[in-house]
Amino acid sequence: MDFEYTPEQIQLRKSVREFAEAEIAPHVMEWDEGQIFPAEVIRKLGQLGYLGSIFPEELGGAGLGYIEYSILIEELSRVDGSVGIILAAHTSLCSNHIFKMGNEEQRRRYIPKLASGEWLGCWSLTEPEAGSDAAGTRTRATREEDGHWTLNGAKTFTTNAQYADVCVAMAVTERTAAQHGISAFVIEKGTPGFRPGKKENKLGLRASATGEVIFENCRLGPAQLLGKLNEGFVDSLKVLDGGRISIAALAIGMAQGAYDAALRYSKLRKQFSRPISEFQEIQHKLVDMAVDLDAARLLNCRAAWMLDRGQRVTRESSMAKLFASEAAVRIANEAVQIHGGYGFIKDYPVEKFYRDVKLCTIGEGTSEIQRLVIARQLLKSG
């Protein structure tokens, strides 16, 4: 891999950072405290083409790759991880599942509206009894004699659930087939029998809406089956290869924000008549944080670079997600420590990064699951 950012990618980072500082930064604490969904900012991001970054121009996208997409998620999350995760769930999960697995008619119906931000998407796999264990899926789709489907069940921990116009959801279509008995469906807001349920009250990322979606005798046409029958879970694993790159970018962005705040504070805060940045122990913390950040970003760049070239990245994206998420937790923890008592106060941004970043070790496959995925890949190739 011979990698360096292009001038266009450097300009993209600059543009997104300027947008985030101007449009998001002034509202971060208000949104967090009030659990306010930043609808206006999401609309503006759609107008800028950021919601359709990885989709081709003929479908209304920006025609960019995963390197650019990672830059986008990083820079938004550096200011507010809530905005980053809203985009990640919309783009790399919901929209990308439709783009990769949908037929031409489905792509043309959904991708332009999702790419422009006219519609917001969500992606529902997890259930109360089925997180990493797909065999525990209870949501069921029954095929009727006329070819229509009836969905019954509920999903949980769905990002954007309360605000989504389109939902991609997995349901059991062949109970005896386990992973090869789950199919994906695309459901539009307003479909009878489909509604959002409880919105969760979360530790962090509180401006993003996470909650249930519920199906009660939800009747769907044959055209709403997404991808091949009974292959929805297998397709989901392929979608998650890209999704884990976005979660790594989310973690890196928040870690960068925490590091920047800690570095800035260490130069301003004085103890014993000199800035605490002059003390070796603080310098060592900053060094370890900076090394973790660079290592995480390079791992994620490798995965994104490979995916942009059509290569399978199951191992690489899991490695990036595992390392970046755990490194981000370490970085946020040290950022609070460098701030001392002020790190525990909401007037300083590291308190929020500390709360927000933990989700990255859980969402889209826990750290424990990432280790299982990586181990299987290593043993398969060894």
Protein backbone atom coordinates (compact mmCIF):
# COMPACT_ATOMS: atom_id res chain seq x y z
CA MET A 1 0.00 0.00 0.00
CA ASP A 2 1.41 3.34 -1.11
CA PHE A 3 -0.82 5.93 0.51
CA GLU A 4 -0.94 9.67 0.98
CA TYR A 5 -3.84 12.11 0.94
CA THR A 6 -4.46 13.86 -2.37
CA PRO A 7 -4.85 17.65 -2.57
CA GLU A 8 -8.58 17.09 -3.12
CA GLN A 9 -8.84 14.98 0.04
CA ILE A 10 -6.93 17.58 2.03
CA GLN A 11 -9.32 20.27 0.76
CA LEU A 12 -12.30 18.09 1.66
CA ARG A 13 -11.03 17.77 5.23
CA LYS A 14 -10.60 21.54 5.43
CA SER A 15 -14.09 22.20 4.06
CA VAL A 16 -15.82 19.72 6.38
CA ARG A 17 -13.89 21.03 9.39
CA GLU A 18 -14.92 24.60 8.60
CA PHE A 19 -18.56 23.51 8.26
CA ALA A 20 -18.45 21.58 11.54
CA GLU A 21 -16.87 24.47 13.43
CA ALA A 22 -19.37 26.99 12.08
CA GLU A 23 -22.62 24.99 11.94
CA ILE A 24 -22.25 22.31 14.64
CA ALA A 25 -19.82 23.48 17.35
CA PRO A 26 -22.02 26.32 18.71
CA HIS A 27 -24.89 23.90 19.38
CA VAL A 28 -23.16 20.75 20.64
CA MET A 29 -23.97 21.07 24.34
CA GLU A 30 -27.52 22.30 23.73
CA TRP A 31 -28.22 19.31 21.48
CA ASP A 32 -26.61 16.91 23.94
CA GLU A 33 -28.43 18.20 27.01
CA GLY A 34 -31.80 18.34 25.28
CA GLN A 35 -31.34 15.21 23.13
CA ILE A 36 -32.18 17.43 20.15
CA PHE A 37 -31.90 15.79 16.74
CA PRO A 38 -29.93 18.20 14.46
CA ALA A 39 -32.36 18.02 11.52
CA GLU A 40 -31.33 21.33 9.97
CA VAL A 41 -27.63 20.41 9.93
CA ILE A 42 -28.42 17.02 8.40
CA ARG A 43 -30.43 18.78 5.70
CA LYS A 44 -27.47 21.07 4.94
CA LEU A 45 -25.10 18.11 4.80
CA GLY A 46 -27.44 16.55 2.24
CA GLN A 47 -27.35 19.71 0.15
CA LEU A 48 -23.54 19.62 0.23
CA GLY A 49 -23.60 16.06 -1.13
CA TYR A 50 -22.18 14.49 2.01
CA LEU A 51 -25.09 12.09 2.61
CA GLY A 52 -24.45 10.49 -0.76
CA SER A 53 -20.66 10.65 -0.70
CA ILE A 54 -19.94 7.04 -1.71
CA PHE A 55 -22.63 6.67 -4.40
CA PRO A 56 -22.22 7.35 -8.13
CA GLU A 57 -23.15 10.69 -9.61
CA GLU A 58 -25.79 9.15 -11.89
CA LEU A 59 -27.75 8.22 -8.73
CA GLY A 60 -27.34 11.65 -7.18
CA GLY A 61 -24.23 10.83 -5.18
CA ALA A 62 -20.86 12.57 -5.02
CA GLY A 63 -18.91 9.69 -6.55
CA LEU A 64 -16.31 9.65 -3.76
CA GLY A 65 -14.60 6.68 -2.13
CA TYR A 66 -14.24 5.37 1.41
CA ILE A 67 -11.09 7.44 2.02
CA GLU A 68 -13.13 10.61 1.48
CA TYR A 69 -16.08 9.16 3.39
CA SER A 70 -13.80 8.44 6.37
CA ILE A 71 -12.49 12.01 6.27
CA LEU A 72 -16.06 13.26 6.31
CA ILE A 73 -17.09 11.15 9.31
CA GLU A 74 -13.87 12.00 11.16
CA GLU A 75 -14.23 15.75 10.80
CA LEU A 76 -17.89 15.81 11.80
CA SER A 77 -17.21 13.54 14.79
CA ARG A 78 -14.24 15.66 15.86
CA VAL A 79 -16.86 18.26 16.77
CA ASP A 80 -19.88 16.06 17.54
CA GLY A 81 -20.01 12.28 17.30
CA SER A 82 -23.81 12.41 17.21
CA VAL A 83 -23.73 13.99 13.75
CA GLY A 84 -21.08 11.49 12.66
CA ILE A 85 -23.13 8.47 13.68
CA ILE A 86 -26.32 9.83 12.08
CA LEU A 87 -24.46 10.02 8.77
CA ALA A 88 -22.74 6.67 9.26
CA ALA A 89 -25.98 4.78 9.85
CA HIS A 90 -27.70 6.57 6.97
CA THR A 91 -24.89 6.15 4.44
CA SER A 92 -22.84 3.02 5.05
CA LEU A 93 -25.67 0.88 6.43
CA CYS A 94 -29.11 1.79 5.06
CA SER A 95 -28.24 3.47 1.78
CA ASN A 96 -25.28 1.21 1.06
CA HIS A 97 -27.30 -1.96 1.66
CA ILE A 98 -29.81 -0.76 -0.95
CA PHE A 99 -27.04 0.27 -3.34
CA LYS A 100 -25.05 -2.96 -3.05
CA MET A 101 -27.84 -5.53 -2.80
CA GLY A 102 -30.80 -3.81 -4.45
CA ASN A 103 -31.90 -4.19 -8.04
CA GLU A 104 -31.78 -1.33 -10.52
CA GLU A 105 -35.36 -0.27 -9.80
CA GLN A 106 -34.70 -0.13 -6.05
CA ARG A 107 -31.49 1.84 -6.52
CA ARG A 108 -33.22 4.42 -8.69
CA ARG A 109 -36.17 4.73 -6.34
CA TYR A 110 -34.22 5.17 -3.10
CA ILE A 111 -30.59 6.23 -3.60
CA PRO A 112 -31.20 9.70 -5.15
CA LYS A 113 -33.53 10.72 -2.31
CA LEU A 114 -31.20 9.29 0.34
CA ALA A 115 -28.12 10.84 -1.27
CA SER A 116 -29.68 14.30 -1.38
CA GLY A 117 -30.93 14.18 2.20
CA GLU A 118 -34.55 14.41 1.11
CA TRP A 119 -34.95 11.08 2.89
CA LEU A 120 -33.08 9.81 5.95
CA GLY A 121 -32.37 6.11 6.36
CA CYS A 122 -32.03 3.62 9.19
CA TRP A 123 -30.86 0.00 9.30
CA SER A 124 -32.35 -2.56 11.68
CA LEU A 125 -30.64 -5.82 12.52
CA THR A 126 -30.42 -5.97 16.32
CA GLU A 127 -33.26 -7.28 18.50
CA PRO A 128 -33.59 -7.62 22.28
CA GLU A 129 -32.64 -11.32 22.01
CA ALA A 130 -30.48 -11.10 18.88
CA GLY A 131 -27.40 -8.91 18.80
CA SER A 132 -24.31 -10.76 17.65
CA ASP A 133 -26.35 -13.99 17.50
CA ALA A 134 -28.39 -13.90 14.29
CA ALA A 135 -30.03 -17.22 15.18
CA GLY A 136 -31.91 -15.35 17.90
CA THR A 137 -33.77 -13.17 15.38
CA ARG A 138 -37.52 -13.21 16.10
CA THR A 139 -38.87 -10.70 13.57
CA ARG A 140 -40.59 -12.83 10.97
CA ALA A 141 -41.69 -12.25 7.39
CA THR A 142 -44.43 -14.56 6.11
CA ARG A 143 -45.10 -14.83 2.39
CA GLU A 144 -48.77 -14.72 1.45
CA GLU A 145 -50.41 -16.52 -1.45
CA ASP A 146 -50.43 -13.33 -3.56
CA GLY A 147 -46.66 -12.91 -3.18
CA HIS A 148 -46.85 -10.13 -0.58
CA TRP A 149 -45.03 -10.34 2.75
CA THR A 150 -46.33 -9.73 6.28
CA LEU A 151 -43.75 -8.61 8.87
CA ASN A 152 -44.20 -9.01 12.61
CA GLY A 153 -41.65 -8.23 15.30
CA ALA A 154 -39.46 -5.46 16.67
CA LYS A 155 -35.92 -4.20 16.33
CA THR A 156 -33.90 -2.26 18.87
CA PHE A 157 -30.81 0.02 18.97
CA THR A 158 -31.67 1.43 15.55
CA THR A 159 -29.90 4.74 14.86
CA ASN A 160 -32.23 7.33 13.25
CA ALA A 161 -35.28 5.16 14.06
CA GLN A 162 -37.54 8.06 15.00
CA TYR A 163 -36.61 10.23 12.02
CA ALA A 164 -36.04 7.78 9.17
CA ASP A 165 -38.03 7.86 5.96
CA VAL A 166 -36.64 4.50 4.85
CA CYS A 167 -35.74 1.45 6.93
CA VAL A 168 -33.79 -1.61 5.85
CA ALA A 169 -34.70 -4.44 8.22
CA MET A 170 -33.83 -8.11 8.52
CA ALA A 171 -36.49 -10.75 9.18
CA VAL A 172 -36.63 -14.55 9.33
CA THR A 173 -38.04 -16.06 6.15
CA GLU A 174 -36.87 -19.65 6.70
CA ARG A 175 -36.75 -20.63 10.37
CA THR A 176 -34.76 -23.86 9.91
CA ALA A 177 -31.93 -22.28 7.92
CA ALA A 178 -30.37 -20.05 10.67
CA GLN A 179 -28.11 -17.43 9.02
CA HIS A 180 -29.25 -18.50 5.57
CA GLY A 181 -32.90 -18.06 6.49
CA ILE A 182 -32.94 -14.28 7.03
CA SER A 183 -33.99 -11.81 4.34
CA ALA A 184 -33.71 -8.03 4.05
CA PHE A 185 -36.64 -5.74 3.32
CA VAL A 186 -36.89 -2.03 2.55
CA ILE A 187 -39.80 -0.28 4.24
CA GLU A 188 -40.95 3.30 3.77
CA LYS A 189 -42.24 5.60 6.48
CA GLY A 190 -46.03 5.60 6.55
CA THR A 191 -46.38 1.94 5.58
CA PRO A 192 -49.32 0.55 7.63
CA GLY A 193 -48.07 -1.59 10.49
CA PHE A 194 -44.61 0.03 10.58
CA ARG A 195 -43.73 2.60 13.24
CA PRO A 196 -40.90 3.74 15.50
CA GLY A 197 -41.12 2.62 19.12
CA LYS A 198 -39.33 3.71 22.28
CA LYS A 199 -36.49 6.23 21.93
CA GLU A 200 -33.60 5.30 24.21
CA ASN A 201 -32.18 7.69 26.83
CA LYS A 202 -28.45 7.21 26.30
CA LEU A 203 -25.17 7.82 28.09
CA GLY A 204 -23.62 9.51 25.07
CA LEU A 205 -24.24 10.52 21.45
CA ARG A 206 -27.46 11.93 22.81
CA ALA A 207 -28.36 14.13 19.83
CA SER A 208 -28.64 11.04 17.65
CA ALA A 209 -31.92 9.17 18.02
CA THR A 210 -31.58 5.49 18.88
CA GLY A 211 -34.65 3.37 19.39
CA GLU A 212 -37.03 0.65 18.35
CA VAL A 213 -38.80 0.00 15.10
CA ILE A 214 -41.95 -2.11 15.30
CA PHE A 215 -43.76 -4.24 12.72
CA GLU A 216 -47.36 -5.25 13.39
CA ASN A 217 -48.90 -7.11 10.46
CA CYS A 218 -46.86 -4.85 8.19
CA ARG A 219 -47.76 -5.80 4.64
CA LEU A 220 -45.07 -5.38 1.97
CA GLY A 221 -45.08 -5.91 -1.77
CA PRO A 222 -42.74 -8.38 -3.50
CA ALA A 223 -40.60 -5.45 -4.71
CA GLN A 224 -39.68 -4.62 -1.11
CA LEU A 225 -37.56 -7.75 -0.72
CA LEU A 226 -33.98 -6.45 -0.84
CA GLY A 227 -31.40 -8.80 -2.35
CA LYS A 228 -31.82 -12.55 -2.63
CA LEU A 229 -34.37 -14.43 -0.54
CA ASN A 230 -32.82 -15.88 2.66
CA GLU A 231 -29.49 -14.10 2.09
CA GLY A 232 -30.21 -10.92 4.07
CA PHE A 233 -27.92 -11.73 6.98
CA VAL A 234 -25.07 -12.81 4.70
CA ASP A 235 -25.50 -9.53 2.80
CA SER A 236 -25.53 -7.66 6.11
CA LEU A 237 -22.08 -9.00 6.95
CA LYS A 238 -20.78 -7.60 3.65
CA VAL A 239 -22.41 -4.24 4.39
CA LEU A 240 -20.79 -4.26 7.84
CA ASP A 241 -17.32 -4.46 6.26
CA GLY A 242 -17.86 -0.86 5.14
CA GLY A 243 -19.84 0.02 8.25
CA ARG A 244 -16.92 -0.85 10.48
CA ILE A 245 -14.72 1.54 8.55
CA SER A 246 -17.23 4.27 9.35
CA ILE A 247 -17.29 3.36 13.07
CA ALA A 248 -13.49 3.45 13.10
CA ALA A 249 -13.66 6.91 11.50
CA LEU A 250 -16.24 7.94 14.10
CA ALA A 251 -13.90 6.81 16.89
CA ILE A 252 -10.87 8.50 15.30
CA GLY A 253 -12.77 11.77 14.91
CA MET A 254 -13.88 11.86 18.53
CA ALA A 255 -10.41 10.83 19.69
CA GLN A 256 -8.92 13.65 17.62
CA GLY A 257 -11.32 16.10 19.26
CA ALA A 258 -10.37 14.87 22.72
CA TYR A 259 -6.65 14.97 21.92
CA ASP A 260 -6.86 18.49 20.47
CA ALA A 261 -8.67 19.70 23.59
CA ALA A 262 -6.14 18.04 25.91
CA LEU A 263 -3.15 19.42 24.03
CA ARG A 264 -4.62 22.91 24.03
CA TYR A 265 -5.49 22.74 27.74
CA SER A 266 -2.02 21.42 28.69
CA LYS A 267 -0.42 24.52 27.17
CA LEU A 268 -2.75 26.89 29.00
CA ARG A 269 -3.09 25.25 32.41
CA LYS A 270 -0.34 26.26 34.82
CA GLN A 271 0.81 24.49 37.95
CA PHE A 272 3.90 25.37 39.95
CA SER A 273 4.30 28.48 37.75
CA ARG A 274 4.58 26.66 34.43
CA PRO A 275 2.29 25.03 31.86
CA ILE A 276 1.54 21.41 32.67
CA SER A 277 2.66 20.53 29.11
CA GLU A 278 6.23 20.99 30.37
CA PHE A 279 5.86 18.09 32.82
CA GLN A 280 7.20 14.81 31.48
CA GLU A 281 4.23 12.76 32.67
CA ILE A 282 1.81 14.95 30.70
CA GLN A 283 4.10 14.79 27.67
CA HIS A 284 4.10 10.99 27.85
CA LYS A 285 0.31 10.95 27.90
CA LEU A 286 0.15 13.21 24.87
CA VAL A 287 2.70 11.07 23.03
CA ASP A 288 0.76 7.86 23.67
CA MET A 289 -2.45 9.57 22.53
CA ALA A 290 -0.82 10.84 19.33
CA VAL A 291 0.67 7.42 18.51
CA ASP A 292 -2.69 5.71 19.06
CA LEU A 293 -4.35 8.26 16.79
CA ASP A 294 -1.88 7.80 13.96
CA ALA A 295 -1.99 4.00 14.21
CA ALA A 296 -5.80 3.98 14.19
CA ARG A 297 -6.00 6.33 11.23
CA LEU A 298 -3.48 4.31 9.22
CA LEU A 299 -5.30 1.04 9.91
CA ASN A 300 -8.54 2.62 8.75
CA CYS A 301 -6.94 4.18 5.70
CA ARG A 302 -5.67 0.75 4.69
CA ALA A 303 -9.15 -0.76 4.93
CA ALA A 304 -10.73 2.16 3.06
CA TRP A 305 -8.01 2.10 0.39
CA MET A 306 -8.56 -1.61 -0.20
CA LEU A 307 -12.35 -1.28 -0.28
CA ASP A 308 -12.09 1.52 -2.84
CA ARG A 309 -10.20 -0.95 -5.03
CA GLY A 310 -12.86 -3.63 -4.76
CA GLN A 311 -10.97 -5.87 -2.35
CA ARG A 312 -12.54 -7.85 0.48
CA VAL A 313 -11.77 -6.11 3.77
CA THR A 314 -13.42 -8.26 6.46
CA ARG A 315 -10.16 -8.65 8.41
CA GLU A 316 -8.86 -5.14 7.76
CA SER A 317 -12.07 -3.31 8.64
CA SER A 318 -12.47 -5.35 11.84
CA MET A 319 -8.87 -4.59 12.80
CA ALA A 320 -9.42 -0.89 12.16
CA LYS A 321 -12.66 -0.83 14.10
CA LEU A 322 -11.24 -2.82 17.02
CA PHE A 323 -8.07 -0.78 17.40
CA ALA A 324 -9.61 2.63 16.69
CA SER A 325 -12.51 2.19 19.11
CA GLU A 326 -10.38 0.92 21.98
CA ALA A 327 -7.69 3.52 21.32
CA ALA A 328 -10.33 6.26 21.29
CA VAL A 329 -11.54 5.17 24.73
CA ARG A 330 -7.96 5.35 26.02
CA ILE A 331 -7.43 8.78 24.45
CA ALA A 332 -10.66 10.20 25.86
CA ASN A 333 -9.80 8.82 29.28
CA GLU A 334 -6.37 10.46 29.24
CA ALA A 335 -7.86 13.71 27.95
CA VAL A 336 -10.10 13.84 31.03
CA GLN A 337 -7.11 13.01 33.23
CA ILE A 338 -5.03 15.83 31.77
CA HIS A 339 -7.88 18.24 32.50
CA GLY A 340 -8.05 17.04 36.09
CA GLY A 341 -11.20 18.17 37.87
CA TYR A 342 -12.22 20.31 34.91
CA GLY A 343 -12.40 17.18 32.77
CA PHE A 344 -15.41 16.13 34.83
CA ILE A 345 -17.28 19.34 34.12
CA LYS A 346 -19.55 19.94 31.13
CA ASP A 347 -17.97 23.30 30.38
CA TYR A 348 -15.08 21.38 28.83
CA PRO A 349 -15.53 19.19 25.72
CA VAL A 350 -13.60 16.17 26.97
CA GLU A 351 -16.43 15.21 29.32
CA LYS A 352 -18.69 14.64 26.33
CA PHE A 353 -16.06 12.84 24.26
CA TYR A 354 -15.51 10.52 27.24
CA ARG A 355 -19.22 9.60 27.26
CA ASP A 356 -19.68 9.45 23.51
CA VAL A 357 -16.72 7.35 22.47
CA LYS A 358 -17.57 4.20 24.43
CA LEU A 359 -20.29 3.31 21.93
CA CYS A 360 -17.61 2.64 19.29
CA THR A 361 -16.47 -0.49 21.18
CA ILE A 362 -20.05 -1.80 21.10
CA GLY A 363 -21.89 -0.71 17.93
CA GLU A 364 -21.63 -2.68 14.67
CA GLY A 365 -20.01 -5.58 16.47
CA THR A 366 -18.46 -5.43 19.93
CA SER A 367 -14.71 -5.61 20.45
CA GLU A 368 -15.18 -9.24 21.45
CA ILE A 369 -16.93 -10.01 18.16
CA GLN A 370 -14.22 -8.18 16.21
CA ARG A 371 -11.61 -10.45 17.77
CA LEU A 372 -13.64 -13.50 16.72
CA VAL A 373 -13.95 -12.16 13.16
CA ILE A 374 -10.23 -11.39 12.93
CA ALA A 375 -9.27 -14.77 14.40
CA ARG A 376 -11.38 -16.60 11.82
CA GLN A 377 -9.78 -14.63 9.02
CA LEU A 378 -6.27 -15.30 10.33
CA LEU A 379 -6.89 -19.03 10.71
CA LYS A 380 -8.51 -19.23 7.29
CA SER A 381 -5.52 -17.62 5.59
CA GLY A 382 -2.83 -19.32 7.66
